[in-house]
Amino acid sequence: MLIADCMTRHPVLAPLTLAAPEAQKLMVENRVRHMPVVESGKRLAGLLTSSSFALKTDTLSSLNMWEITRYLADLSVAQIMVKAKDVVTITPDRTVERAAALMSERKIGCLPVVEEGQIVVGVVTENDLLRSFQEMLGLPSEGVRVTVRMPDRHGEFVKLMRVFVECNWGVMGIGTFPARRRPGYYDAVVKVPGVTVDEVRSALAAVPEQEIVDIRVVV
């Protein structure tokens, strides 16, 4: 799945001249925790996050209540945003796993999606990635979810898929990952519609050198 397939299109954007209190109100009303700040032509100028509106302790200690209110009212998004040069972005043609890696490595919860010229065309968030992960494993629909452990070598996945062909089964979702605490093995997770647990267990139990480590009905 590519970023274009899972990103939030037409995200809420803040013009560079918007007052900070108005930007905060906009984020609350739209229930978003990240909001790109743009110049003319939707060119990325920066990024607002929930923490952008937090006042530094030294600022608070030097102001009384009325001064704090006035200070906040006079702030613009340009003063509190993460500047564009420091914003990590991604393009629509990159993969969801690359987005997940970037967000994990940088410890951030959002990536503005930009096209040539830093034009903002979307936003991808942690929630978008979680939703795409669910879709890739077929979570929205009912089926039998089976995890098969197999040696990490050529031809093993073909053996598994041969059973699916022989049984005329469809596949709603699929994923693989290295088996934990079993070097040299990996697990394949497959979601199969229109079958029973017993049918899947019986058919896959006959695959040589492969083991069912989990099987269940998932809705």
N, C-alpha and C. Protein backbone atom coordinates (compact mmCIF):
# COMPACT_ATOMS: atom_id res chain seq x y z
N MET A 1 0.85 -1.19 0.00
CA MET A 1 0.00 0.00 0.00
C MET A 1 0.89 1.25 0.00
N LEU A 2 0.51 2.22 -0.82
CA LEU A 2 1.27 3.47 -0.91
C LEU A 2 0.62 4.55 -0.06
N ILE A 3 1.38 5.62 0.19
CA ILE A 3 0.87 6.73 0.99
C ILE A 3 -0.39 7.31 0.37
N ALA A 4 -0.44 7.38 -0.96
CA ALA A 4 -1.62 7.93 -1.65
C ALA A 4 -2.87 7.14 -1.32
N ASP A 5 -2.71 5.85 -0.95
CA ASP A 5 -3.86 5.00 -0.67
C ASP A 5 -4.38 5.16 0.75
N CYS A 6 -3.58 5.68 1.66
CA CYS A 6 -4.00 5.70 3.07
C CYS A 6 -3.99 7.09 3.70
N MET A 7 -3.41 8.08 3.03
CA MET A 7 -3.30 9.41 3.64
C MET A 7 -4.67 10.07 3.77
N THR A 8 -4.75 11.04 4.66
CA THR A 8 -5.93 11.89 4.78
C THR A 8 -5.82 12.98 3.73
N ARG A 9 -6.72 12.94 2.76
CA ARG A 9 -6.71 13.94 1.70
C ARG A 9 -7.44 15.21 2.17
N HIS A 10 -7.08 16.33 1.56
CA HIS A 10 -7.70 17.62 1.89
C HIS A 10 -7.68 17.87 3.41
N PRO A 11 -6.49 17.81 4.02
CA PRO A 11 -6.41 18.02 5.47
C PRO A 11 -6.72 19.47 5.83
N VAL A 12 -7.02 19.68 7.10
CA VAL A 12 -7.22 21.04 7.60
C VAL A 12 -5.87 21.75 7.56
N LEU A 13 -5.84 22.92 6.94
CA LEU A 13 -4.60 23.68 6.78
C LEU A 13 -4.74 25.03 7.46
N ALA A 14 -3.63 25.53 7.98
CA ALA A 14 -3.61 26.85 8.61
C ALA A 14 -2.81 27.81 7.75
N PRO A 15 -3.40 28.96 7.38
CA PRO A 15 -2.61 29.96 6.66
C PRO A 15 -1.53 30.54 7.58
N LEU A 16 -0.45 30.95 7.00
CA LEU A 16 0.69 31.45 7.78
C LEU A 16 0.32 32.64 8.66
N THR A 17 -0.68 33.40 8.25
CA THR A 17 -1.06 34.62 8.97
C THR A 17 -2.08 34.38 10.08
N LEU A 18 -2.53 33.14 10.25
CA LEU A 18 -3.57 32.85 11.23
C LEU A 18 -3.06 33.06 12.65
N ALA A 19 -3.92 33.62 13.51
CA ALA A 19 -3.56 33.80 14.92
C ALA A 19 -3.53 32.44 15.61
N ALA A 20 -2.63 32.30 16.56
CA ALA A 20 -2.48 31.02 17.26
C ALA A 20 -3.76 30.56 17.94
N PRO A 21 -4.49 31.46 18.64
CA PRO A 21 -5.74 31.01 19.28
C PRO A 21 -6.76 30.48 18.26
N GLU A 22 -6.81 31.10 17.09
CA GLU A 22 -7.73 30.63 16.05
C GLU A 22 -7.29 29.26 15.51
N ALA A 23 -5.99 29.08 15.40
CA ALA A 23 -5.47 27.79 14.94
C ALA A 23 -5.81 26.69 15.94
N GLN A 24 -5.64 27.00 17.20
CA GLN A 24 -5.96 26.01 18.24
C GLN A 24 -7.45 25.67 18.21
N LYS A 25 -8.29 26.68 18.03
CA LYS A 25 -9.73 26.45 17.94
C LYS A 25 -10.06 25.56 16.74
N LEU A 26 -9.38 25.81 15.63
CA LEU A 26 -9.60 25.04 14.40
C LEU A 26 -9.23 23.57 14.61
N MET A 27 -8.14 23.33 15.31
CA MET A 27 -7.71 21.96 15.58
C MET A 27 -8.68 21.24 16.50
N VAL A 28 -9.18 21.95 17.50
CA VAL A 28 -10.14 21.35 18.43
C VAL A 28 -11.44 21.02 17.71
N GLU A 29 -11.93 21.96 16.92
CA GLU A 29 -13.20 21.76 16.22
C GLU A 29 -13.13 20.60 15.23
N ASN A 30 -11.97 20.41 14.62
CA ASN A 30 -11.82 19.35 13.62
C ASN A 30 -11.22 18.08 14.21
N ARG A 31 -10.95 18.09 15.50
CA ARG A 31 -10.43 16.92 16.21
C ARG A 31 -9.15 16.39 15.57
N VAL A 32 -8.22 17.29 15.32
CA VAL A 32 -6.92 16.89 14.76
C VAL A 32 -5.82 17.32 15.72
N ARG A 33 -4.74 16.56 15.72
CA ARG A 33 -3.61 16.88 16.59
C ARG A 33 -2.43 17.45 15.81
N HIS A 34 -2.55 17.48 14.48
CA HIS A 34 -1.48 18.02 13.63
C HIS A 34 -2.12 18.83 12.53
N MET A 35 -1.54 19.98 12.22
CA MET A 35 -2.10 20.82 11.17
C MET A 35 -0.97 21.51 10.40
N PRO A 36 -0.83 21.20 9.12
CA PRO A 36 0.19 21.88 8.31
C PRO A 36 -0.13 23.37 8.19
N VAL A 37 0.92 24.16 8.21
CA VAL A 37 0.80 25.61 7.98
C VAL A 37 1.32 25.87 6.57
N VAL A 38 0.53 26.62 5.80
CA VAL A 38 0.88 26.80 4.39
C VAL A 38 0.93 28.27 4.00
N GLU A 39 1.76 28.53 3.00
CA GLU A 39 1.80 29.84 2.37
C GLU A 39 0.88 29.79 1.15
N SER A 40 0.95 30.79 0.30
CA SER A 40 0.10 30.82 -0.89
C SER A 40 0.39 29.60 -1.77
N GLY A 41 -0.67 29.08 -2.39
CA GLY A 41 -0.51 27.90 -3.24
C GLY A 41 -0.33 26.61 -2.46
N LYS A 42 -0.69 26.61 -1.18
CA LYS A 42 -0.60 25.44 -0.31
C LYS A 42 0.83 24.92 -0.17
N ARG A 43 1.81 25.83 -0.27
CA ARG A 43 3.21 25.45 -0.07
C ARG A 43 3.49 25.35 1.42
N LEU A 44 4.11 24.25 1.83
CA LEU A 44 4.36 24.00 3.25
C LEU A 44 5.26 25.07 3.86
N ALA A 45 4.78 25.67 4.96
CA ALA A 45 5.57 26.66 5.69
C ALA A 45 5.98 26.14 7.06
N GLY A 46 5.19 25.18 7.57
CA GLY A 46 5.49 24.65 8.90
C GLY A 46 4.43 23.66 9.32
N LEU A 47 4.49 23.28 10.58
CA LEU A 47 3.54 22.29 11.11
C LEU A 47 3.19 22.64 12.55
N LEU A 48 1.90 22.60 12.84
CA LEU A 48 1.42 22.78 14.21
C LEU A 48 1.08 21.42 14.80
N THR A 49 1.47 21.22 16.06
CA THR A 49 1.07 20.03 16.79
C THR A 49 0.43 20.48 18.10
N SER A 50 -0.11 19.54 18.83
CA SER A 50 -0.74 19.90 20.11
C SER A 50 0.24 20.60 21.04
N SER A 51 1.49 20.17 21.00
CA SER A 51 2.49 20.76 21.89
C SER A 51 2.94 22.15 21.46
N SER A 52 2.57 22.56 20.25
CA SER A 52 2.97 23.89 19.77
C SER A 52 2.39 25.00 20.64
N PHE A 53 1.27 24.70 21.29
CA PHE A 53 0.56 25.73 22.05
C PHE A 53 0.96 25.77 23.52
N ALA A 54 1.88 24.91 23.92
CA ALA A 54 2.33 24.88 25.31
C ALA A 54 3.32 26.02 25.56
N LEU A 55 3.10 26.76 26.63
CA LEU A 55 4.00 27.85 26.98
C LEU A 55 5.18 27.32 27.77
N LYS A 56 6.35 27.89 27.52
CA LYS A 56 7.54 27.51 28.28
C LYS A 56 7.41 28.00 29.71
N THR A 57 8.00 27.25 30.61
CA THR A 57 7.90 27.57 32.03
C THR A 57 8.45 28.96 32.35
N ASP A 58 9.58 29.33 31.73
CA ASP A 58 10.16 30.64 32.02
C ASP A 58 9.27 31.78 31.54
N THR A 59 8.50 31.54 30.47
CA THR A 59 7.57 32.56 29.99
C THR A 59 6.42 32.72 30.97
N LEU A 60 5.89 31.62 31.45
CA LEU A 60 4.78 31.66 32.40
C LEU A 60 5.18 32.37 33.70
N SER A 61 6.37 32.07 34.18
CA SER A 61 6.80 32.62 35.47
C SER A 61 7.01 34.12 35.45
N SER A 62 7.21 34.67 34.25
CA SER A 62 7.48 36.11 34.16
C SER A 62 6.24 36.94 33.85
N LEU A 63 5.08 36.27 33.70
CA LEU A 63 3.85 36.98 33.33
C LEU A 63 2.74 36.71 34.34
N ASN A 64 1.88 37.74 34.56
CA ASN A 64 0.70 37.50 35.38
C ASN A 64 -0.42 36.97 34.50
N MET A 65 -1.58 36.69 35.09
CA MET A 65 -2.67 36.06 34.35
C MET A 65 -3.12 36.90 33.16
N TRP A 66 -3.22 38.22 33.34
CA TRP A 66 -3.69 39.09 32.26
C TRP A 66 -2.65 39.19 31.14
N GLU A 67 -1.40 39.20 31.54
CA GLU A 67 -0.33 39.27 30.54
C GLU A 67 -0.25 37.97 29.73
N ILE A 68 -0.51 36.85 30.39
CA ILE A 68 -0.51 35.57 29.68
C ILE A 68 -1.62 35.54 28.62
N THR A 69 -2.81 36.04 29.02
CA THR A 69 -3.93 36.08 28.08
C THR A 69 -3.60 36.96 26.89
N ARG A 70 -3.00 38.11 27.15
CA ARG A 70 -2.66 39.04 26.07
C ARG A 70 -1.54 38.45 25.20
N TYR A 71 -0.61 37.79 25.84
CA TYR A 71 0.50 37.18 25.11
C TYR A 71 -0.01 36.12 24.14
N LEU A 72 -0.91 35.26 24.62
CA LEU A 72 -1.46 34.21 23.78
C LEU A 72 -2.27 34.78 22.62
N ALA A 73 -3.03 35.84 22.90
CA ALA A 73 -3.87 36.44 21.86
C ALA A 73 -3.04 37.05 20.74
N ASP A 74 -1.84 37.49 21.06
CA ASP A 74 -0.99 38.16 20.06
C ASP A 74 -0.13 37.20 19.26
N LEU A 75 -0.10 35.92 19.64
CA LEU A 75 0.75 34.96 18.94
C LEU A 75 0.17 34.60 17.57
N SER A 76 1.04 34.39 16.60
CA SER A 76 0.62 33.89 15.30
C SER A 76 1.18 32.48 15.13
N VAL A 77 0.63 31.74 14.18
CA VAL A 77 1.13 30.39 13.98
C VAL A 77 2.59 30.39 13.54
N ALA A 78 3.01 31.45 12.87
CA ALA A 78 4.40 31.54 12.41
C ALA A 78 5.38 31.54 13.58
N GLN A 79 4.91 31.99 14.76
CA GLN A 79 5.79 32.07 15.93
C GLN A 79 5.90 30.75 16.69
N ILE A 80 4.91 29.89 16.55
CA ILE A 80 4.90 28.67 17.37
C ILE A 80 5.04 27.38 16.56
N MET A 81 4.94 27.48 15.24
CA MET A 81 4.98 26.27 14.41
C MET A 81 6.40 25.70 14.32
N VAL A 82 6.47 24.42 13.96
CA VAL A 82 7.74 23.82 13.56
C VAL A 82 8.01 24.30 12.14
N LYS A 83 9.16 24.93 11.93
CA LYS A 83 9.46 25.49 10.62
C LYS A 83 9.60 24.39 9.57
N ALA A 84 9.28 24.74 8.33
CA ALA A 84 9.27 23.77 7.23
C ALA A 84 10.59 23.01 7.10
N LYS A 85 11.71 23.70 7.34
CA LYS A 85 13.02 23.06 7.20
C LYS A 85 13.22 21.93 8.21
N ASP A 86 12.44 21.96 9.31
CA ASP A 86 12.56 20.94 10.34
C ASP A 86 11.43 19.92 10.31
N VAL A 87 10.51 20.07 9.37
CA VAL A 87 9.38 19.16 9.27
C VAL A 87 9.74 17.97 8.37
N VAL A 88 9.51 16.77 8.87
CA VAL A 88 9.74 15.56 8.08
C VAL A 88 8.51 15.33 7.21
N THR A 89 8.71 15.21 5.91
CA THR A 89 7.60 15.03 4.98
C THR A 89 7.76 13.73 4.20
N ILE A 90 6.75 13.42 3.42
CA ILE A 90 6.79 12.23 2.57
C ILE A 90 5.99 12.52 1.31
N THR A 91 6.27 11.80 0.25
CA THR A 91 5.54 11.99 -1.00
C THR A 91 4.50 10.88 -1.18
N PRO A 92 3.47 11.12 -1.99
CA PRO A 92 2.37 10.15 -2.12
C PRO A 92 2.79 8.80 -2.69
N ASP A 93 3.93 8.75 -3.41
CA ASP A 93 4.34 7.50 -4.04
C ASP A 93 5.22 6.62 -3.16
N ARG A 94 5.47 7.05 -1.92
CA ARG A 94 6.25 6.20 -1.00
C ARG A 94 5.33 5.17 -0.36
N THR A 95 5.93 4.19 0.31
CA THR A 95 5.15 3.09 0.89
C THR A 95 4.76 3.38 2.34
N VAL A 96 3.73 2.67 2.81
CA VAL A 96 3.29 2.87 4.19
C VAL A 96 4.35 2.41 5.18
N GLU A 97 5.11 1.36 4.80
CA GLU A 97 6.15 0.90 5.73
C GLU A 97 7.27 1.91 5.86
N ARG A 98 7.56 2.68 4.79
CA ARG A 98 8.56 3.74 4.88
C ARG A 98 8.06 4.85 5.79
N ALA A 99 6.77 5.18 5.69
CA ALA A 99 6.20 6.20 6.58
C ALA A 99 6.28 5.74 8.04
N ALA A 100 5.95 4.47 8.27
CA ALA A 100 6.01 3.94 9.64
C ALA A 100 7.43 3.99 10.18
N ALA A 101 8.41 3.66 9.33
CA ALA A 101 9.81 3.70 9.76
C ALA A 101 10.24 5.13 10.10
N LEU A 102 9.87 6.09 9.26
CA LEU A 102 10.22 7.49 9.51
C LEU A 102 9.62 7.98 10.82
N MET A 103 8.34 7.68 11.02
CA MET A 103 7.67 8.17 12.22
C MET A 103 8.23 7.52 13.48
N SER A 104 8.60 6.24 13.36
CA SER A 104 9.18 5.54 14.50
C SER A 104 10.58 6.07 14.82
N GLU A 105 11.40 6.24 13.78
CA GLU A 105 12.77 6.71 13.97
C GLU A 105 12.81 8.12 14.53
N ARG A 106 11.96 8.99 14.02
CA ARG A 106 11.94 10.40 14.44
C ARG A 106 11.06 10.65 15.64
N LYS A 107 10.30 9.64 16.07
CA LYS A 107 9.37 9.77 17.20
C LYS A 107 8.37 10.90 16.96
N ILE A 108 7.71 10.85 15.82
CA ILE A 108 6.72 11.85 15.47
C ILE A 108 5.41 11.14 15.11
N GLY A 109 4.31 11.88 15.18
CA GLY A 109 3.01 11.27 14.96
C GLY A 109 2.34 11.65 13.66
N CYS A 110 3.06 12.37 12.80
CA CYS A 110 2.43 12.86 11.57
C CYS A 110 3.49 13.16 10.52
N LEU A 111 3.12 12.95 9.26
CA LEU A 111 3.96 13.34 8.13
C LEU A 111 3.10 14.11 7.13
N PRO A 112 3.38 15.39 6.89
CA PRO A 112 2.70 16.06 5.78
C PRO A 112 3.09 15.38 4.47
N VAL A 113 2.11 15.19 3.61
CA VAL A 113 2.36 14.57 2.31
C VAL A 113 2.46 15.69 1.27
N VAL A 114 3.59 15.74 0.59
CA VAL A 114 3.84 16.86 -0.33
C VAL A 114 4.19 16.35 -1.72
N GLU A 115 3.87 17.17 -2.70
CA GLU A 115 4.30 16.92 -4.07
C GLU A 115 5.36 17.93 -4.45
N GLU A 116 5.77 17.94 -5.69
CA GLU A 116 6.84 18.83 -6.15
C GLU A 116 6.56 20.27 -5.75
N GLY A 117 7.60 20.94 -5.24
CA GLY A 117 7.45 22.32 -4.79
C GLY A 117 6.94 22.44 -3.38
N GLN A 118 6.95 21.30 -2.63
CA GLN A 118 6.48 21.26 -1.25
C GLN A 118 5.00 21.65 -1.12
N ILE A 119 4.22 21.30 -2.12
CA ILE A 119 2.78 21.56 -2.08
C ILE A 119 2.10 20.46 -1.27
N VAL A 120 1.34 20.86 -0.25
CA VAL A 120 0.69 19.90 0.64
C VAL A 120 -0.54 19.30 -0.04
N VAL A 121 -0.56 17.95 -0.14
CA VAL A 121 -1.70 17.26 -0.75
C VAL A 121 -2.39 16.32 0.24
N GLY A 122 -1.83 16.20 1.43
CA GLY A 122 -2.44 15.32 2.41
C GLY A 122 -1.61 15.26 3.68
N VAL A 123 -2.06 14.43 4.59
CA VAL A 123 -1.35 14.18 5.85
C VAL A 123 -1.48 12.70 6.15
N VAL A 124 -0.42 12.08 6.64
CA VAL A 124 -0.51 10.70 7.10
C VAL A 124 -0.14 10.68 8.58
N THR A 125 -1.02 10.11 9.38
CA THR A 125 -0.85 10.08 10.83
C THR A 125 -0.71 8.64 11.32
N GLU A 126 -0.45 8.51 12.61
CA GLU A 126 -0.38 7.17 13.20
C GLU A 126 -1.69 6.42 12.98
N ASN A 127 -2.81 7.12 13.12
CA ASN A 127 -4.11 6.48 12.92
C ASN A 127 -4.29 5.99 11.49
N ASP A 128 -3.81 6.77 10.53
CA ASP A 128 -3.89 6.34 9.12
C ASP A 128 -3.10 5.05 8.90
N LEU A 129 -1.91 4.97 9.50
CA LEU A 129 -1.08 3.77 9.34
C LEU A 129 -1.71 2.56 10.03
N LEU A 130 -2.31 2.78 11.20
CA LEU A 130 -2.97 1.68 11.89
C LEU A 130 -4.16 1.17 11.08
N ARG A 131 -4.90 2.10 10.48
CA ARG A 131 -6.04 1.70 9.66
C ARG A 131 -5.59 0.91 8.42
N SER A 132 -4.48 1.35 7.81
CA SER A 132 -3.99 0.64 6.62
C SER A 132 -3.48 -0.75 6.99
N PHE A 133 -2.88 -0.88 8.16
CA PHE A 133 -2.42 -2.19 8.63
C PHE A 133 -3.61 -3.13 8.81
N GLN A 134 -4.69 -2.62 9.39
CA GLN A 134 -5.89 -3.43 9.56
C GLN A 134 -6.45 -3.87 8.21
N GLU A 135 -6.47 -2.95 7.26
CA GLU A 135 -7.02 -3.26 5.94
C GLU A 135 -6.17 -4.31 5.22
N MET A 136 -4.85 -4.21 5.35
CA MET A 136 -3.98 -5.17 4.67
C MET A 136 -4.15 -6.58 5.22
N LEU A 137 -4.55 -6.69 6.49
CA LEU A 137 -4.78 -8.00 7.09
C LEU A 137 -6.26 -8.38 7.04
N GLY A 138 -7.07 -7.59 6.34
CA GLY A 138 -8.47 -7.95 6.12
C GLY A 138 -9.35 -7.86 7.34
N LEU A 139 -9.02 -7.00 8.31
CA LEU A 139 -9.77 -6.96 9.56
C LEU A 139 -11.24 -6.57 9.39
N PRO A 140 -11.61 -5.68 8.46
CA PRO A 140 -13.02 -5.24 8.42
C PRO A 140 -14.01 -6.36 8.13
N SER A 141 -13.57 -7.50 7.59
CA SER A 141 -14.50 -8.56 7.20
C SER A 141 -14.21 -9.84 7.98
N GLU A 142 -15.24 -10.68 8.10
CA GLU A 142 -15.11 -11.94 8.85
C GLU A 142 -14.33 -12.97 8.04
N GLY A 143 -13.54 -13.76 8.73
CA GLY A 143 -12.78 -14.82 8.09
C GLY A 143 -11.95 -15.58 9.10
N VAL A 144 -11.26 -16.59 8.63
CA VAL A 144 -10.35 -17.36 9.49
C VAL A 144 -8.95 -16.78 9.34
N ARG A 145 -8.38 -16.39 10.45
CA ARG A 145 -7.02 -15.83 10.47
C ARG A 145 -6.08 -16.93 10.95
N VAL A 146 -5.12 -17.31 10.11
CA VAL A 146 -4.21 -18.40 10.46
C VAL A 146 -2.77 -17.91 10.35
N THR A 147 -1.96 -18.28 11.33
CA THR A 147 -0.53 -17.96 11.32
C THR A 147 0.25 -19.26 11.14
N VAL A 148 1.03 -19.32 10.07
CA VAL A 148 1.79 -20.52 9.74
C VAL A 148 3.28 -20.22 9.85
N ARG A 149 3.99 -21.02 10.61
CA ARG A 149 5.45 -20.86 10.76
C ARG A 149 6.15 -21.78 9.78
N MET A 150 7.13 -21.22 9.07
CA MET A 150 7.82 -21.99 8.04
C MET A 150 9.30 -21.63 8.00
N PRO A 151 10.15 -22.53 7.49
CA PRO A 151 11.57 -22.19 7.35
C PRO A 151 11.76 -21.03 6.39
N ASP A 152 12.72 -20.19 6.68
CA ASP A 152 13.00 -19.02 5.84
C ASP A 152 13.89 -19.44 4.68
N ARG A 153 13.24 -20.00 3.68
CA ARG A 153 13.99 -20.44 2.50
C ARG A 153 13.06 -20.42 1.28
N HIS A 154 13.67 -20.43 0.12
CA HIS A 154 12.90 -20.36 -1.12
C HIS A 154 11.96 -21.55 -1.25
N GLY A 155 10.75 -21.25 -1.71
CA GLY A 155 9.80 -22.30 -2.00
C GLY A 155 8.79 -22.60 -0.91
N GLU A 156 9.05 -22.14 0.33
CA GLU A 156 8.14 -22.45 1.42
C GLU A 156 6.79 -21.77 1.26
N PHE A 157 6.80 -20.51 0.86
CA PHE A 157 5.53 -19.80 0.70
C PHE A 157 4.73 -20.39 -0.46
N VAL A 158 5.43 -20.87 -1.48
CA VAL A 158 4.76 -21.52 -2.61
C VAL A 158 4.01 -22.76 -2.14
N LYS A 159 4.62 -23.52 -1.23
CA LYS A 159 3.98 -24.71 -0.69
C LYS A 159 2.66 -24.35 -0.01
N LEU A 160 2.69 -23.24 0.73
CA LEU A 160 1.49 -22.80 1.43
C LEU A 160 0.40 -22.37 0.43
N MET A 161 0.80 -21.58 -0.55
CA MET A 161 -0.16 -21.07 -1.52
C MET A 161 -0.72 -22.18 -2.41
N ARG A 162 0.05 -23.25 -2.59
CA ARG A 162 -0.45 -24.37 -3.40
C ARG A 162 -1.71 -24.98 -2.77
N VAL A 163 -1.73 -25.01 -1.43
CA VAL A 163 -2.91 -25.52 -0.73
C VAL A 163 -4.11 -24.62 -1.01
N PHE A 164 -3.88 -23.30 -1.02
CA PHE A 164 -4.97 -22.37 -1.28
C PHE A 164 -5.53 -22.57 -2.69
N VAL A 165 -4.64 -22.83 -3.64
CA VAL A 165 -5.08 -23.07 -5.02
C VAL A 165 -5.89 -24.36 -5.10
N GLU A 166 -5.39 -25.42 -4.47
CA GLU A 166 -6.07 -26.71 -4.52
C GLU A 166 -7.44 -26.66 -3.85
N CYS A 167 -7.55 -25.86 -2.80
CA CYS A 167 -8.82 -25.75 -2.07
C CYS A 167 -9.73 -24.67 -2.65
N ASN A 168 -9.20 -23.92 -3.63
CA ASN A 168 -9.97 -22.83 -4.25
C ASN A 168 -10.39 -21.78 -3.22
N TRP A 169 -9.46 -21.43 -2.34
CA TRP A 169 -9.72 -20.42 -1.32
C TRP A 169 -9.29 -19.04 -1.81
N GLY A 170 -9.98 -18.04 -1.33
CA GLY A 170 -9.56 -16.67 -1.57
C GLY A 170 -8.73 -16.17 -0.40
N VAL A 171 -8.11 -15.02 -0.57
CA VAL A 171 -7.29 -14.40 0.49
C VAL A 171 -7.75 -12.96 0.67
N MET A 172 -8.10 -12.60 1.91
CA MET A 172 -8.55 -11.23 2.20
C MET A 172 -7.40 -10.35 2.68
N GLY A 173 -6.42 -10.95 3.30
CA GLY A 173 -5.30 -10.19 3.82
C GLY A 173 -4.13 -11.11 4.07
N ILE A 174 -2.91 -10.55 4.02
CA ILE A 174 -1.73 -11.39 4.18
C ILE A 174 -0.57 -10.54 4.69
N GLY A 175 0.28 -11.14 5.51
CA GLY A 175 1.47 -10.46 6.00
C GLY A 175 2.47 -11.48 6.51
N THR A 176 3.74 -11.13 6.49
CA THR A 176 4.78 -12.04 6.99
C THR A 176 5.74 -11.26 7.88
N PHE A 177 6.38 -11.97 8.80
CA PHE A 177 7.37 -11.36 9.68
C PHE A 177 8.26 -12.44 10.26
N PRO A 178 9.51 -12.10 10.64
CA PRO A 178 10.42 -13.09 11.22
C PRO A 178 9.84 -13.65 12.51
N ALA A 179 9.94 -14.96 12.70
CA ALA A 179 9.41 -15.59 13.91
C ALA A 179 10.28 -15.22 15.11
N ARG A 180 9.64 -14.80 16.17
CA ARG A 180 10.39 -14.43 17.37
C ARG A 180 10.96 -15.67 18.04
N ARG A 181 12.19 -15.54 18.49
CA ARG A 181 12.90 -16.61 19.19
C ARG A 181 13.03 -17.89 18.36
N ARG A 182 12.85 -17.76 17.04
CA ARG A 182 13.08 -18.91 16.15
C ARG A 182 13.89 -18.44 14.94
N PRO A 183 15.20 -18.27 15.11
CA PRO A 183 16.04 -17.85 13.98
C PRO A 183 15.90 -18.82 12.82
N GLY A 184 15.86 -18.26 11.61
CA GLY A 184 15.74 -19.10 10.44
C GLY A 184 14.32 -19.46 10.05
N TYR A 185 13.33 -18.89 10.78
CA TYR A 185 11.92 -19.13 10.48
C TYR A 185 11.19 -17.79 10.34
N TYR A 186 10.08 -17.81 9.63
CA TYR A 186 9.21 -16.64 9.62
C TYR A 186 7.77 -17.10 9.65
N ASP A 187 6.89 -16.20 10.08
CA ASP A 187 5.46 -16.49 10.20
C ASP A 187 4.70 -15.78 9.10
N ALA A 188 3.76 -16.49 8.50
CA ALA A 188 2.87 -15.91 7.50
C ALA A 188 1.47 -15.86 8.09
N VAL A 189 0.87 -14.67 8.11
CA VAL A 189 -0.49 -14.50 8.60
C VAL A 189 -1.41 -14.33 7.40
N VAL A 190 -2.41 -15.18 7.30
CA VAL A 190 -3.33 -15.14 6.15
C VAL A 190 -4.77 -15.10 6.65
N LYS A 191 -5.59 -14.25 6.05
CA LYS A 191 -7.02 -14.17 6.38
C LYS A 191 -7.80 -14.80 5.23
N VAL A 192 -8.60 -15.83 5.56
CA VAL A 192 -9.31 -16.62 4.54
C VAL A 192 -10.82 -16.47 4.76
N PRO A 193 -11.56 -16.02 3.76
CA PRO A 193 -13.01 -15.90 3.91
C PRO A 193 -13.75 -17.17 3.53
N GLY A 194 -14.95 -17.34 4.07
CA GLY A 194 -15.84 -18.41 3.63
C GLY A 194 -15.41 -19.82 3.96
N VAL A 195 -14.60 -19.98 5.01
CA VAL A 195 -14.16 -21.32 5.41
C VAL A 195 -14.31 -21.46 6.92
N THR A 196 -14.15 -22.68 7.40
CA THR A 196 -14.19 -22.90 8.85
C THR A 196 -12.78 -23.12 9.36
N VAL A 197 -12.62 -22.98 10.66
CA VAL A 197 -11.33 -23.23 11.30
C VAL A 197 -10.88 -24.66 11.06
N ASP A 198 -11.81 -25.60 11.17
CA ASP A 198 -11.45 -27.02 10.98
C ASP A 198 -10.96 -27.29 9.55
N GLU A 199 -11.60 -26.65 8.56
CA GLU A 199 -11.18 -26.85 7.17
C GLU A 199 -9.76 -26.34 6.95
N VAL A 200 -9.47 -25.18 7.50
CA VAL A 200 -8.14 -24.59 7.32
C VAL A 200 -7.09 -25.42 8.06
N ARG A 201 -7.41 -25.80 9.29
CA ARG A 201 -6.46 -26.59 10.07
C ARG A 201 -6.14 -27.92 9.39
N SER A 202 -7.16 -28.58 8.89
CA SER A 202 -6.98 -29.88 8.25
C SER A 202 -6.12 -29.77 6.99
N ALA A 203 -6.39 -28.74 6.17
CA ALA A 203 -5.66 -28.60 4.91
C ALA A 203 -4.21 -28.20 5.12
N LEU A 204 -3.97 -27.29 6.04
CA LEU A 204 -2.61 -26.77 6.23
C LEU A 204 -1.75 -27.69 7.08
N ALA A 205 -2.37 -28.54 7.85
CA ALA A 205 -1.59 -29.47 8.69
C ALA A 205 -0.78 -30.44 7.84
N ALA A 206 -1.18 -30.63 6.59
CA ALA A 206 -0.49 -31.58 5.73
C ALA A 206 0.71 -30.98 5.02
N VAL A 207 0.95 -29.67 5.17
CA VAL A 207 2.09 -29.04 4.50
C VAL A 207 3.37 -29.43 5.24
N PRO A 208 4.32 -30.09 4.59
CA PRO A 208 5.53 -30.54 5.28
C PRO A 208 6.39 -29.38 5.79
N GLU A 209 6.93 -29.56 7.01
CA GLU A 209 7.87 -28.63 7.64
C GLU A 209 7.26 -27.27 7.93
N GLN A 210 5.93 -27.20 7.95
CA GLN A 210 5.25 -25.97 8.34
C GLN A 210 4.31 -26.25 9.49
N GLU A 211 4.11 -25.23 10.34
CA GLU A 211 3.36 -25.44 11.58
C GLU A 211 2.36 -24.31 11.78
N ILE A 212 1.13 -24.67 12.11
CA ILE A 212 0.13 -23.66 12.48
C ILE A 212 0.39 -23.25 13.93
N VAL A 213 0.69 -21.98 14.13
CA VAL A 213 0.96 -21.51 15.50
C VAL A 213 -0.21 -20.74 16.09
N ASP A 214 -1.18 -20.34 15.22
CA ASP A 214 -2.37 -19.68 15.73
C ASP A 214 -3.44 -19.76 14.64
N ILE A 215 -4.68 -20.01 15.07
CA ILE A 215 -5.79 -20.01 14.11
C ILE A 215 -7.05 -19.59 14.87
N ARG A 216 -7.82 -18.69 14.27
CA ARG A 216 -9.02 -18.19 14.94
C ARG A 216 -9.95 -17.52 13.93
N VAL A 217 -11.22 -17.40 14.29
CA VAL A 217 -12.17 -16.63 13.50
C VAL A 217 -12.06 -15.18 13.93
N VAL A 218 -11.93 -14.27 12.96
CA VAL A 218 -11.80 -12.85 13.25
C VAL A 218 -12.89 -12.10 12.51
N VAL A 219 -13.56 -11.21 13.21
CA VAL A 219 -14.59 -10.37 12.58
C VAL A 219 -14.21 -8.90 12.72
